Amino acid sequence: MPHVTTASLMQMKQQGEKIAVLTSYDASFTIRLEEAGVEVILVGDTLGMVIQGQESTLPVGVDEMVYHTRCVARARRNALLITDMPFMSYSSPGQALATAGRLMKEGGTQMVKLEGGAIQLETVRQLTGNGIPVCAHLGLLPQSVHRLGGYRVQGRDEASAHIMREDAMALEVAGAQMLVLECIPAALAGEISRSLSIPVIGIGAGPDCDGQVLVLYDMLGITSGSLPRFTHNFLEHACSVTAAIAAYVKAVKAVSFPAEEHCYK
């Protein structure tokens, strides 16, 4: 796999080639992801739930994100590496700059991800103005789960859909170089993806995004408890972890995943 950059991801979007993204939290899985052709690796704050056993992502701290990012960065060779900025680590542009600086300098990440729309525009401008690539995140925001009243589909009414469209465009103008859309109607996600020049990655957002992301442990079927409808166990019919990851990449590229049963209306 050739070296993946923000520029090459933009080219993939322009050429209509789907982007395969998965989470990783350690060196061993990172090697498997690269062998299978995953273009983007996300060190997600989901590690709080799938590794630490927390009920949400909220308890995860910056030190933990730096540690896991460093583990992944040591094994990464070609994929683009993104790291979540954890809850309450970017509540002001200055704090965000300090957090992102640590994730890049100490952790070795290449891009940071933050949640939120209009409220984050100044922060996005601050980060990108200092040379830090940003991936934005709209729709279901796991760090705002208590305010949202749980893990619920977002953007189903026209008012909230309009705000999401406006936020997406504003985030791109502010300098975001990628956008994640989580748990929103497939039609809305497709509309937003077509309206932006930056790659839009979906998770529970239908097949018309420029790429897909899943939590690695979910797509391997090893997450405890019930799984969200937008995931799929790719290990069930595979002979190995690497084969399961390769099957995911192939399904994303062929637009056979997500299928209708994984989408929201």
C-alpha atoms as a PDB file:
ATOM      1  CA  MET A   1       0.000   0.000   0.000  1.00  0.00           C
ATOM      2  CA  PRO A   2       1.433   3.414  -0.924  1.00  0.00           C
ATOM      3  CA  HIS A   3       1.945   6.074   1.725  1.00  0.00           C
ATOM      4  CA  VAL A   4      -1.428   7.652   2.567  1.00  0.00           C
ATOM      5  CA  THR A   5      -1.681  11.422   3.047  1.00  0.00           C
ATOM      6  CA  THR A   6      -4.491  13.944   3.285  1.00  0.00           C
ATOM      7  CA  ALA A   7      -3.754  14.805  -0.352  1.00  0.00           C
ATOM      8  CA  SER A   8      -4.079  11.182  -1.492  1.00  0.00           C
ATOM      9  CA  LEU A   9      -7.368  10.838   0.397  1.00  0.00           C
ATOM     10  CA  MET A  10      -8.677  13.920  -1.415  1.00  0.00           C
ATOM     11  CA  GLN A  11      -7.667  12.270  -4.684  1.00  0.00           C
ATOM     12  CA  MET A  12      -9.509   9.092  -3.706  1.00  0.00           C
ATOM     13  CA  LYS A  13     -12.667  11.125  -3.088  1.00  0.00           C
ATOM     14  CA  GLN A  14     -12.342  12.863  -6.444  1.00  0.00           C
ATOM     15  CA  GLN A  15     -11.876   9.526  -8.201  1.00  0.00           C
ATOM     16  CA  GLY A  16     -14.778   7.899  -6.357  1.00  0.00           C
ATOM     17  CA  GLU A  17     -12.613   5.323  -4.578  1.00  0.00           C
ATOM     18  CA  LYS A  18     -13.961   4.450  -1.138  1.00  0.00           C
ATOM     19  CA  ILE A  19     -11.715   4.904   1.911  1.00  0.00           C
ATOM     20  CA  ALA A  20     -11.396   2.108   4.503  1.00  0.00           C
ATOM     21  CA  VAL A  21     -10.911   3.255   8.105  1.00  0.00           C
ATOM     22  CA  LEU A  22     -10.670   1.208  11.303  1.00  0.00           C
ATOM     23  CA  THR A  23      -9.716   1.893  14.896  1.00  0.00           C
ATOM     24  CA  SER A  24      -6.587   0.462  16.478  1.00  0.00           C
ATOM     25  CA  TYR A  25      -5.098   0.843  19.926  1.00  0.00           C
ATOM     26  CA  ASP A  26      -1.873  -1.189  19.801  1.00  0.00           C
ATOM     27  CA  ALA A  27       1.006  -2.256  17.581  1.00  0.00           C
ATOM     28  CA  SER A  28      -0.123  -5.829  16.841  1.00  0.00           C
ATOM     29  CA  PHE A  29      -3.517  -4.919  15.423  1.00  0.00           C
ATOM     30  CA  THR A  30      -1.982  -1.989  13.544  1.00  0.00           C
ATOM     31  CA  ILE A  31       0.269  -4.382  11.630  1.00  0.00           C
ATOM     32  CA  ARG A  32      -2.767  -6.494  10.694  1.00  0.00           C
ATOM     33  CA  LEU A  33      -4.678  -3.403   9.518  1.00  0.00           C
ATOM     34  CA  GLU A  34      -1.836  -2.308   7.267  1.00  0.00           C
ATOM     35  CA  GLU A  35      -1.443  -5.832   5.841  1.00  0.00           C
ATOM     36  CA  ALA A  36      -5.122  -5.773   4.904  1.00  0.00           C
ATOM     37  CA  GLY A  37      -4.911  -2.397   3.152  1.00  0.00           C
ATOM     38  CA  VAL A  38      -6.693  -0.095   5.620  1.00  0.00           C
ATOM     39  CA  GLU A  39      -5.914   3.467   4.503  1.00  0.00           C
ATOM     40  CA  VAL A  40      -6.686   5.329   7.727  1.00  0.00           C
ATOM     41  CA  ILE A  41      -6.179   4.198  11.324  1.00  0.00           C
ATOM     42  CA  LEU A  42      -8.061   5.952  14.109  1.00  0.00           C
ATOM     43  CA  VAL A  43      -6.888   5.749  17.699  1.00  0.00           C
ATOM     44  CA  GLY A  44     -10.360   6.292  19.082  1.00  0.00           C
ATOM     45  CA  ASP A  45     -11.371   7.223  22.592  1.00  0.00           C
ATOM     46  CA  THR A  46     -13.575   4.144  22.203  1.00  0.00           C
ATOM     47  CA  LEU A  47     -10.613   2.458  23.891  1.00  0.00           C
ATOM     48  CA  GLY A  48     -12.286   3.531  27.114  1.00  0.00           C
ATOM     49  CA  MET A  49     -15.112   1.108  26.389  1.00  0.00           C
ATOM     50  CA  VAL A  50     -13.537  -1.774  24.446  1.00  0.00           C
ATOM     51  CA  ILE A  51     -10.205  -1.898  26.309  1.00  0.00           C
ATOM     52  CA  GLN A  52     -10.810  -0.291  29.704  1.00  0.00           C
ATOM     53  CA  GLY A  53     -14.380  -1.508  30.253  1.00  0.00           C
ATOM     54  CA  GLN A  54     -15.831   1.957  30.839  1.00  0.00           C
ATOM     55  CA  GLU A  55     -19.509   2.680  30.169  1.00  0.00           C
ATOM     56  CA  SER A  56     -18.653   5.569  27.841  1.00  0.00           C
ATOM     57  CA  THR A  57     -15.680   7.362  26.313  1.00  0.00           C
ATOM     58  CA  LEU A  58     -15.852  10.204  28.845  1.00  0.00           C
ATOM     59  CA  PRO A  59     -13.315   8.935  31.443  1.00  0.00           C
ATOM     60  CA  VAL A  60     -10.479   8.656  28.890  1.00  0.00           C
ATOM     61  CA  GLY A  61      -7.680  11.178  29.434  1.00  0.00           C
ATOM     62  CA  VAL A  62      -5.002  12.761  27.269  1.00  0.00           C
ATOM     63  CA  ASP A  63      -2.208  10.667  28.793  1.00  0.00           C
ATOM     64  CA  GLU A  64      -4.028   7.484  27.779  1.00  0.00           C
ATOM     65  CA  MET A  65      -4.580   8.745  24.234  1.00  0.00           C
ATOM     66  CA  VAL A  66      -0.896   9.686  23.959  1.00  0.00           C
ATOM     67  CA  TYR A  67       0.123   6.223  25.175  1.00  0.00           C
ATOM     68  CA  HIS A  68      -2.087   4.272  22.749  1.00  0.00           C
ATOM     69  CA  THR A  69      -1.236   6.586  19.869  1.00  0.00           C
ATOM     70  CA  ARG A  70       2.451   5.977  20.508  1.00  0.00           C
ATOM     71  CA  CYS A  71       1.857   2.202  20.453  1.00  0.00           C
ATOM     72  CA  VAL A  72       0.085   2.455  17.084  1.00  0.00           C
ATOM     73  CA  ALA A  73       2.568   4.933  15.624  1.00  0.00           C
ATOM     74  CA  ARG A  74       5.475   2.580  16.256  1.00  0.00           C
ATOM     75  CA  ALA A  75       3.897  -0.053  13.986  1.00  0.00           C
ATOM     76  CA  ARG A  76       2.299   2.245  11.406  1.00  0.00           C
ATOM     77  CA  ARG A  77       4.065   2.432   8.070  1.00  0.00           C
ATOM     78  CA  ASN A  78       1.736   3.709   5.348  1.00  0.00           C
ATOM     79  CA  ALA A  79      -1.757   4.384   6.726  1.00  0.00           C
ATOM     80  CA  LEU A  80      -2.739   7.887   7.843  1.00  0.00           C
ATOM     81  CA  LEU A  81      -2.935   8.048  11.639  1.00  0.00           C
ATOM     82  CA  ILE A  82      -5.700  10.032  13.380  1.00  0.00           C
ATOM     83  CA  THR A  83      -6.254  10.372  17.135  1.00  0.00           C
ATOM     84  CA  ASP A  84      -9.351  11.438  19.043  1.00  0.00           C
ATOM     85  CA  MET A  85      -8.949  14.364  21.386  1.00  0.00           C
ATOM     86  CA  PRO A  86     -10.686  13.132  24.550  1.00  0.00           C
ATOM     87  CA  PHE A  87     -13.555  14.708  26.446  1.00  0.00           C
ATOM     88  CA  MET A  88     -12.819  18.128  27.979  1.00  0.00           C
ATOM     89  CA  SER A  89      -9.352  18.306  26.419  1.00  0.00           C
ATOM     90  CA  TYR A  90     -10.317  20.937  23.826  1.00  0.00           C
ATOM     91  CA  SER A  91     -12.856  23.142  25.570  1.00  0.00           C
ATOM     92  CA  SER A  92     -10.978  26.249  24.371  1.00  0.00           C
ATOM     93  CA  PRO A  93      -8.758  26.867  21.338  1.00  0.00           C
ATOM     94  CA  GLY A  94      -5.719  27.223  23.589  1.00  0.00           C
ATOM     95  CA  GLN A  95      -6.388  23.971  25.415  1.00  0.00           C
ATOM     96  CA  ALA A  96      -7.034  22.233  22.089  1.00  0.00           C
ATOM     97  CA  LEU A  97      -3.697  23.438  20.749  1.00  0.00           C
ATOM     98  CA  ALA A  98      -1.892  22.066  23.807  1.00  0.00           C
ATOM     99  CA  THR A  99      -3.692  18.715  23.578  1.00  0.00           C
ATOM    100  CA  ALA A 100      -3.123  18.348  19.849  1.00  0.00           C
ATOM    101  CA  GLY A 101       0.526  19.292  20.298  1.00  0.00           C
ATOM    102  CA  ARG A 102       1.008  16.473  22.782  1.00  0.00           C
ATOM    103  CA  LEU A 103      -0.780  13.949  20.565  1.00  0.00           C
ATOM    104  CA  MET A 104       1.482  14.865  17.644  1.00  0.00           C
ATOM    105  CA  LYS A 105       4.803  15.401  19.429  1.00  0.00           C
ATOM    106  CA  GLU A 106       4.561  12.681  22.087  1.00  0.00           C
ATOM    107  CA  GLY A 107       2.123  10.285  20.424  1.00  0.00           C
ATOM    108  CA  GLY A 108       3.163  10.615  16.808  1.00  0.00           C
ATOM    109  CA  THR A 109      -0.288  11.142  15.324  1.00  0.00           C
ATOM    110  CA  GLN A 110      -0.751  12.920  12.001  1.00  0.00           C
ATOM    111  CA  MET A 111      -4.247  14.347  12.510  1.00  0.00           C
ATOM    112  CA  VAL A 112      -6.557  14.985  15.460  1.00  0.00           C
ATOM    113  CA  LYS A 113     -10.311  14.465  15.615  1.00  0.00           C
ATOM    114  CA  LEU A 114     -12.771  16.565  17.592  1.00  0.00           C
ATOM    115  CA  GLU A 115     -16.537  16.482  18.028  1.00  0.00           C
ATOM    116  CA  GLY A 116     -18.968  19.318  17.402  1.00  0.00           C
ATOM    117  CA  GLY A 117     -20.155  21.837  14.844  1.00  0.00           C
ATOM    118  CA  ALA A 118     -20.322  25.623  14.969  1.00  0.00           C
ATOM    119  CA  ILE A 119     -18.970  25.776  18.505  1.00  0.00           C
ATOM    120  CA  GLN A 120     -15.680  24.274  17.277  1.00  0.00           C
ATOM    121  CA  LEU A 121     -15.004  26.601  14.340  1.00  0.00           C
ATOM    122  CA  GLU A 122     -12.563  28.841  16.199  1.00  0.00           C
ATOM    123  CA  THR A 123     -10.746  25.791  17.535  1.00  0.00           C
ATOM    124  CA  VAL A 124     -10.465  24.271  14.055  1.00  0.00           C
ATOM    125  CA  ARG A 125      -9.058  27.534  12.729  1.00  0.00           C
ATOM    126  CA  GLN A 126      -6.569  27.698  15.603  1.00  0.00           C
ATOM    127  CA  LEU A 127      -5.357  24.146  15.046  1.00  0.00           C
ATOM    128  CA  THR A 128      -5.098  24.279  11.276  1.00  0.00           C
ATOM    129  CA  GLY A 129      -3.493  27.722  11.474  1.00  0.00           C
ATOM    130  CA  ASN A 130      -0.726  26.098  13.521  1.00  0.00           C
ATOM    131  CA  GLY A 131      -0.196  23.282  11.042  1.00  0.00           C
ATOM    132  CA  ILE A 132      -2.302  20.636  12.777  1.00  0.00           C
ATOM    133  CA  PRO A 133      -4.629  18.674  10.451  1.00  0.00           C
ATOM    134  CA  VAL A 134      -8.168  18.273  11.821  1.00  0.00           C
ATOM    135  CA  CYS A 135     -10.880  15.675  11.316  1.00  0.00           C
ATOM    136  CA  ALA A 136     -14.287  16.971  12.429  1.00  0.00           C
ATOM    137  CA  HIS A 137     -17.158  14.811  13.732  1.00  0.00           C
ATOM    138  CA  LEU A 138     -20.900  15.479  13.414  1.00  0.00           C
ATOM    139  CA  GLY A 139     -24.093  13.527  14.079  1.00  0.00           C
ATOM    140  CA  LEU A 140     -24.071  11.303  17.133  1.00  0.00           C
ATOM    141  CA  LEU A 141     -21.335  12.706  19.358  1.00  0.00           C
ATOM    142  CA  PRO A 142     -20.277  10.053  21.910  1.00  0.00           C
ATOM    143  CA  GLN A 143     -18.679  12.669  24.161  1.00  0.00           C
ATOM    144  CA  SER A 144     -22.080  14.413  24.368  1.00  0.00           C
ATOM    145  CA  VAL A 145     -24.046  11.230  25.057  1.00  0.00           C
ATOM    146  CA  HIS A 146     -25.615  12.588  28.262  1.00  0.00           C
ATOM    147  CA  ARG A 147     -26.752  15.816  26.594  1.00  0.00           C
ATOM    148  CA  LEU A 148     -28.180  13.859  23.660  1.00  0.00           C
ATOM    149  CA  GLY A 149     -30.037  11.501  25.993  1.00  0.00           C
ATOM    150  CA  GLY A 150     -28.257   8.371  24.827  1.00  0.00           C
ATOM    151  CA  TYR A 151     -26.884   6.863  21.634  1.00  0.00           C
ATOM    152  CA  ARG A 152     -29.612   8.026  19.256  1.00  0.00           C
ATOM    153  CA  VAL A 153     -29.801   8.698  15.536  1.00  0.00           C
ATOM    154  CA  GLN A 154     -29.322  12.409  14.780  1.00  0.00           C
ATOM    155  CA  GLY A 155     -30.568  14.631  11.951  1.00  0.00           C
ATOM    156  CA  ARG A 156     -33.912  12.976  11.335  1.00  0.00           C
ATOM    157  CA  ASP A 157     -35.952  16.206  11.446  1.00  0.00           C
ATOM    158  CA  GLU A 158     -35.387  18.988   8.943  1.00  0.00           C
ATOM    159  CA  ALA A 159     -34.293  21.541  11.528  1.00  0.00           C
ATOM    160  CA  SER A 160     -31.440  19.413  12.866  1.00  0.00           C
ATOM    161  CA  ALA A 161     -30.545  18.224   9.368  1.00  0.00           C
ATOM    162  CA  HIS A 162     -30.237  21.844   8.223  1.00  0.00           C
ATOM    163  CA  ILE A 163     -27.929  22.664  11.132  1.00  0.00           C
ATOM    164  CA  MET A 164     -25.775  19.647  10.308  1.00  0.00           C
ATOM    165  CA  ARG A 165     -25.456  20.684   6.662  1.00  0.00           C
ATOM    166  CA  GLU A 166     -24.462  24.198   7.702  1.00  0.00           C
ATOM    167  CA  ASP A 167     -22.000  22.930  10.309  1.00  0.00           C
ATOM    168  CA  ALA A 168     -20.366  20.583   7.806  1.00  0.00           C
ATOM    169  CA  MET A 169     -19.792  23.358   5.289  1.00  0.00           C
ATOM    170  CA  ALA A 170     -18.530  25.743   7.977  1.00  0.00           C
ATOM    171  CA  LEU A 171     -16.074  23.173   9.326  1.00  0.00           C
ATOM    172  CA  GLU A 172     -14.606  22.687   5.865  1.00  0.00           C
ATOM    173  CA  VAL A 173     -14.245  26.444   5.404  1.00  0.00           C
ATOM    174  CA  ALA A 174     -12.559  26.655   8.830  1.00  0.00           C
ATOM    175  CA  GLY A 175      -9.921  24.196   7.649  1.00  0.00           C
ATOM    176  CA  ALA A 176     -11.059  20.682   8.566  1.00  0.00           C
ATOM    177  CA  GLN A 177      -9.568  18.187   6.119  1.00  0.00           C
ATOM    178  CA  MET A 178     -11.878  15.284   6.913  1.00  0.00           C
ATOM    179  CA  LEU A 179     -15.323  14.771   8.440  1.00  0.00           C
ATOM    180  CA  VAL A 180     -16.870  11.815  10.264  1.00  0.00           C
ATOM    181  CA  LEU A 181     -20.664  11.472  10.226  1.00  0.00           C
ATOM    182  CA  GLU A 182     -22.091   9.111  12.846  1.00  0.00           C
ATOM    183  CA  CYS A 183     -25.585   7.665  13.124  1.00  0.00           C
ATOM    184  CA  ILE A 184     -27.487   9.910  10.732  1.00  0.00           C
ATOM    185  CA  PRO A 185     -29.950   9.121   7.913  1.00  0.00           C
ATOM    186  CA  ALA A 186     -28.197   7.735   4.846  1.00  0.00           C
ATOM    187  CA  ALA A 187     -29.798  10.272   2.517  1.00  0.00           C
ATOM    188  CA  LEU A 188     -28.553  13.204   4.619  1.00  0.00           C
ATOM    189  CA  ALA A 189     -25.049  11.741   4.806  1.00  0.00           C
ATOM    190  CA  GLY A 190     -24.951  11.339   1.042  1.00  0.00           C
ATOM    191  CA  GLU A 191     -26.077  14.908   0.561  1.00  0.00           C
ATOM    192  CA  ILE A 192     -23.386  16.248   2.891  1.00  0.00           C
ATOM    193  CA  SER A 193     -20.702  14.070   1.291  1.00  0.00           C
ATOM    194  CA  ARG A 194     -21.528  15.400  -2.174  1.00  0.00           C
ATOM    195  CA  SER A 195     -21.576  19.008  -0.977  1.00  0.00           C
ATOM    196  CA  LEU A 196     -18.063  18.953   0.511  1.00  0.00           C
ATOM    197  CA  SER A 197     -14.688  18.709  -1.203  1.00  0.00           C
ATOM    198  CA  ILE A 198     -13.074  16.987   1.810  1.00  0.00           C
ATOM    199  CA  PRO A 199     -13.483  13.220   2.439  1.00  0.00           C
ATOM    200  CA  VAL A 200     -16.528  12.301   4.506  1.00  0.00           C
ATOM    201  CA  ILE A 201     -16.293   9.062   6.494  1.00  0.00           C
ATOM    202  CA  GLY A 202     -19.469   7.395   7.706  1.00  0.00           C
ATOM    203  CA  ILE A 203     -20.284   5.171  10.655  1.00  0.00           C
ATOM    204  CA  GLY A 204     -23.942   4.307  10.614  1.00  0.00           C
ATOM    205  CA  ALA A 205     -24.368   6.945   7.903  1.00  0.00           C
ATOM    206  CA  GLY A 206     -25.051   4.860   4.810  1.00  0.00           C
ATOM    207  CA  PRO A 207     -23.087   3.854   1.695  1.00  0.00           C
ATOM    208  CA  ASP A 208     -22.850   7.242  -0.007  1.00  0.00           C
ATOM    209  CA  CYS A 209     -20.080   8.625   2.205  1.00  0.00           C
ATOM    210  CA  ASP A 210     -16.546   8.696   0.801  1.00  0.00           C
ATOM    211  CA  GLY A 211     -15.460   5.979   3.209  1.00  0.00           C
ATOM    212  CA  GLN A 212     -16.443   3.936   6.227  1.00  0.00           C
ATOM    213  CA  VAL A 213     -15.103   3.503   9.752  1.00  0.00           C
ATOM    214  CA  LEU A 214     -15.893   0.903  12.402  1.00  0.00           C
ATOM    215  CA  VAL A 215     -14.556   0.103  15.830  1.00  0.00           C
ATOM    216  CA  LEU A 216     -12.161  -2.796  15.236  1.00  0.00           C
ATOM    217  CA  TYR A 217     -13.493  -4.877  18.102  1.00  0.00           C
ATOM    218  CA  ASP A 218     -17.058  -4.463  16.798  1.00  0.00           C
ATOM    219  CA  MET A 219     -16.238  -5.673  13.274  1.00  0.00           C
ATOM    220  CA  LEU A 220     -14.381  -8.652  14.737  1.00  0.00           C
ATOM    221  CA  GLY A 221     -17.413  -9.524  16.861  1.00  0.00           C
ATOM    222  CA  ILE A 222     -15.479  -9.491  20.125  1.00  0.00           C
ATOM    223  CA  THR A 223     -17.173  -6.517  21.789  1.00  0.00           C
ATOM    224  CA  SER A 224     -19.167  -7.478  24.870  1.00  0.00           C
ATOM    225  CA  GLY A 225     -22.887  -6.747  24.955  1.00  0.00           C
ATOM    226  CA  SER A 226     -25.173  -5.745  22.119  1.00  0.00           C
ATOM    227  CA  LEU A 227     -23.692  -4.226  18.985  1.00  0.00           C
ATOM    228  CA  PRO A 228     -25.107  -1.235  17.101  1.00  0.00           C
ATOM    229  CA  ARG A 229     -27.033  -2.083  13.933  1.00  0.00           C
ATOM    230  CA  PHE A 230     -24.476  -0.310  11.731  1.00  0.00           C
ATOM    231  CA  THR A 231     -21.707  -2.818  12.423  1.00  0.00           C
ATOM    232  CA  HIS A 232     -21.074  -6.300  11.045  1.00  0.00           C
ATOM    233  CA  ASN A 233     -19.040  -9.277  12.266  1.00  0.00           C
ATOM    234  CA  PHE A 234     -16.499  -9.815   9.486  1.00  0.00           C
ATOM    235  CA  LEU A 235     -14.619 -12.483  11.464  1.00  0.00           C
ATOM    236  CA  GLU A 236     -17.602 -14.848  11.539  1.00  0.00           C
ATOM    237  CA  HIS A 237     -16.886 -16.238   8.058  1.00  0.00           C
ATOM    238  CA  ALA A 238     -13.139 -15.491   7.888  1.00  0.00           C
ATOM    239  CA  CYS A 239     -10.239 -17.812   8.679  1.00  0.00           C
ATOM    240  CA  SER A 240      -8.168 -15.208  10.518  1.00  0.00           C
ATOM    241  CA  VAL A 241      -8.188 -11.674  11.883  1.00  0.00           C
ATOM    242  CA  THR A 242      -6.231 -10.430   8.872  1.00  0.00           C
ATOM    243  CA  ALA A 243      -8.720 -12.114   6.515  1.00  0.00           C
ATOM    244  CA  ALA A 244     -11.617 -10.502   8.373  1.00  0.00           C
ATOM    245  CA  ILE A 245     -10.035  -7.049   8.081  1.00  0.00           C
ATOM    246  CA  ALA A 246      -9.324  -7.670   4.394  1.00  0.00           C
ATOM    247  CA  ALA A 247     -12.976  -8.670   3.912  1.00  0.00           C
ATOM    248  CA  TYR A 248     -14.036  -5.384   5.513  1.00  0.00           C
ATOM    249  CA  VAL A 249     -11.746  -3.388   3.219  1.00  0.00           C
ATOM    250  CA  LYS A 250     -13.069  -5.273   0.171  1.00  0.00           C
ATOM    251  CA  ALA A 251     -16.689  -4.702   1.224  1.00  0.00           C
ATOM    252  CA  VAL A 252     -16.114  -0.975   1.736  1.00  0.00           C
ATOM    253  CA  LYS A 253     -14.393  -0.663  -1.643  1.00  0.00           C
ATOM    254  CA  ALA A 254     -17.161  -2.596  -3.392  1.00  0.00           C
ATOM    255  CA  VAL A 255     -19.877  -0.580  -1.587  1.00  0.00           C
ATOM    256  CA  SER A 256     -21.411  -3.820  -0.337  1.00  0.00           C
ATOM    257  CA  PHE A 257     -20.937  -2.536   3.198  1.00  0.00           C
ATOM    258  CA  PRO A 258     -22.829  -0.867   4.680  1.00  0.00           C
ATOM    259  CA  ALA A 259     -25.897  -2.641   3.353  1.00  0.00           C
ATOM    260  CA  GLU A 260     -29.488  -1.509   3.821  1.00  0.00           C
ATOM    261  CA  GLU A 261     -29.802  -3.261   7.177  1.00  0.00           C
ATOM    262  CA  HIS A 262     -26.914  -1.178   8.534  1.00  0.00           C
ATOM    263  CA  CYS A 263     -28.464   2.172   7.593  1.00  0.00           C
ATOM    264  CA  TYR A 264     -30.921   4.638   9.096  1.00  0.00           C
ATOM    265  CA  LYS A 265     -33.712   6.575   7.405  1.00  0.00           C
END
